[in-house]
Amino acid sequence: MNVCDGGTISGGVTSIPFTNTSTTTSYTITSCKDSSGNTMPGWPSTNPVIPMASGGVNGSHTVVLSVAAISGKEYTYITSPLCPQATNPKIRVS
């Protein structure tokens, strides 16, 4: 999923592939929490960095979860620097 757009993953997955189309900015995901402020189960303790695109190739990084994603949940994540859109992107677990 594009780091600044968010998207949907399937319940039971243990990794989330992120891409970055920006050629000027790498993004660090500094938190990933549900509406109650709980961190997504299995989210890594080290903030993942999604590198910028280079040489015509999108930047990419796969976030590995230590436990499987739980269906029916939604998590909002915050990037540093902030993505250009007005709202923080979300991960929806189908």
Protein backbone atom coordinates (compact mmCIF):
# COMPACT_ATOMS: atom_id res chain seq x y z
CA MET A 1 0.00 0.00 0.00
CA ASN A 2 1.16 3.53 -0.65
CA VAL A 3 2.49 4.93 2.63
CA CYS A 4 0.56 8.20 2.25
CA ASP A 5 -2.71 6.58 1.12
CA GLY A 6 -3.20 3.67 3.52
CA GLY A 7 -5.28 0.71 2.45
CA THR A 8 -6.75 -2.66 3.31
CA ILE A 9 -5.00 -5.87 4.35
CA SER A 10 -6.49 -9.29 4.99
CA GLY A 11 -6.98 -10.68 8.47
CA GLY A 12 -4.31 -13.23 9.31
CA VAL A 13 -1.44 -11.60 7.38
CA THR A 14 1.87 -11.12 9.17
CA SER A 15 3.40 -8.48 6.91
CA ILE A 16 2.35 -5.20 5.30
CA PRO A 17 4.18 -4.07 2.14
CA PHE A 18 4.42 -0.29 1.88
CA THR A 19 5.49 1.73 -1.15
CA ASN A 20 6.52 5.36 -1.54
CA THR A 21 6.15 7.29 -4.80
CA SER A 22 7.79 10.48 -3.53
CA THR A 23 11.19 11.19 -5.06
CA THR A 24 12.02 13.77 -2.39
CA THR A 25 10.83 12.34 0.94
CA SER A 26 11.33 9.16 2.94
CA TYR A 27 8.63 8.54 5.55
CA THR A 28 9.00 7.04 9.01
CA ILE A 29 5.85 5.50 10.52
CA THR A 30 5.97 6.68 14.12
CA SER A 31 2.79 5.05 15.43
CA CYS A 32 -0.03 2.76 14.31
CA LYS A 33 -3.00 2.76 16.68
CA ASP A 34 -6.70 2.00 16.81
CA SER A 35 -9.34 4.55 17.83
CA SER A 36 -8.81 3.66 21.51
CA GLY A 37 -5.08 4.42 21.32
CA ASN A 38 -3.94 0.79 21.31
CA THR A 39 -0.96 -0.04 19.10
CA MET A 40 -1.65 -2.54 16.32
CA PRO A 41 -0.83 -6.01 17.73
CA GLY A 42 2.52 -7.22 16.46
CA TRP A 43 3.64 -3.77 15.24
CA PRO A 44 7.45 -3.55 15.41
CA SER A 45 9.09 -1.63 18.26
CA THR A 46 11.48 0.07 15.81
CA ASN A 47 9.76 2.70 13.65
CA PRO A 48 9.72 1.47 10.02
CA VAL A 49 11.18 3.76 7.34
CA ILE A 50 9.69 3.75 3.83
CA PRO A 51 12.45 5.08 1.55
CA MET A 52 11.87 7.59 -1.25
CA ALA A 53 11.57 6.53 -4.88
CA SER A 54 14.79 6.57 -6.87
CA GLY A 55 15.74 5.84 -10.46
CA GLY A 56 12.13 5.37 -11.52
CA VAL A 57 11.50 2.71 -8.86
CA ASN A 58 9.14 3.32 -5.94
CA GLY A 59 10.65 3.07 -2.48
CA SER A 60 9.43 0.03 -0.59
CA HIS A 61 9.61 -1.61 2.81
CA THR A 62 7.66 -4.52 4.28
CA VAL A 63 6.59 -4.15 7.90
CA VAL A 64 6.66 -7.57 9.58
CA LEU A 65 4.07 -8.13 12.31
CA SER A 66 4.96 -10.47 15.17
CA VAL A 67 1.31 -11.63 15.36
CA ALA A 68 -1.31 -11.98 12.63
CA ALA A 69 -3.56 -9.01 11.82
CA ILE A 70 -7.06 -9.24 13.33
CA SER A 71 -10.05 -8.94 10.97
CA GLY A 72 -12.46 -6.08 11.53
CA LYS A 73 -9.92 -3.68 12.99
CA GLU A 74 -8.80 -0.27 11.71
CA TYR A 75 -5.60 1.53 12.62
CA THR A 76 -4.49 5.08 11.92
CA TYR A 77 -0.78 5.66 11.46
CA ILE A 78 1.31 8.80 11.67
CA THR A 79 4.24 9.51 9.40
CA SER A 80 7.24 11.73 9.94
CA PRO A 81 7.29 14.00 8.10
CA LEU A 82 3.52 14.17 7.78
CA CYS A 83 2.07 13.08 4.44
CA PRO A 84 0.70 15.92 2.28
CA GLN A 85 -3.00 15.09 2.70
CA ALA A 86 -5.06 16.56 5.54
CA THR A 87 -5.80 13.26 7.34
CA ASN A 88 -3.52 10.50 8.59
CA PRO A 89 -3.69 7.28 6.55
CA LYS A 90 -5.39 4.13 7.85
CA ILE A 91 -4.86 0.40 7.68
CA ARG A 92 -8.14 -1.51 7.49
CA VAL A 93 -8.08 -5.23 8.24
CA SER A 94 -10.72 -7.11 6.24
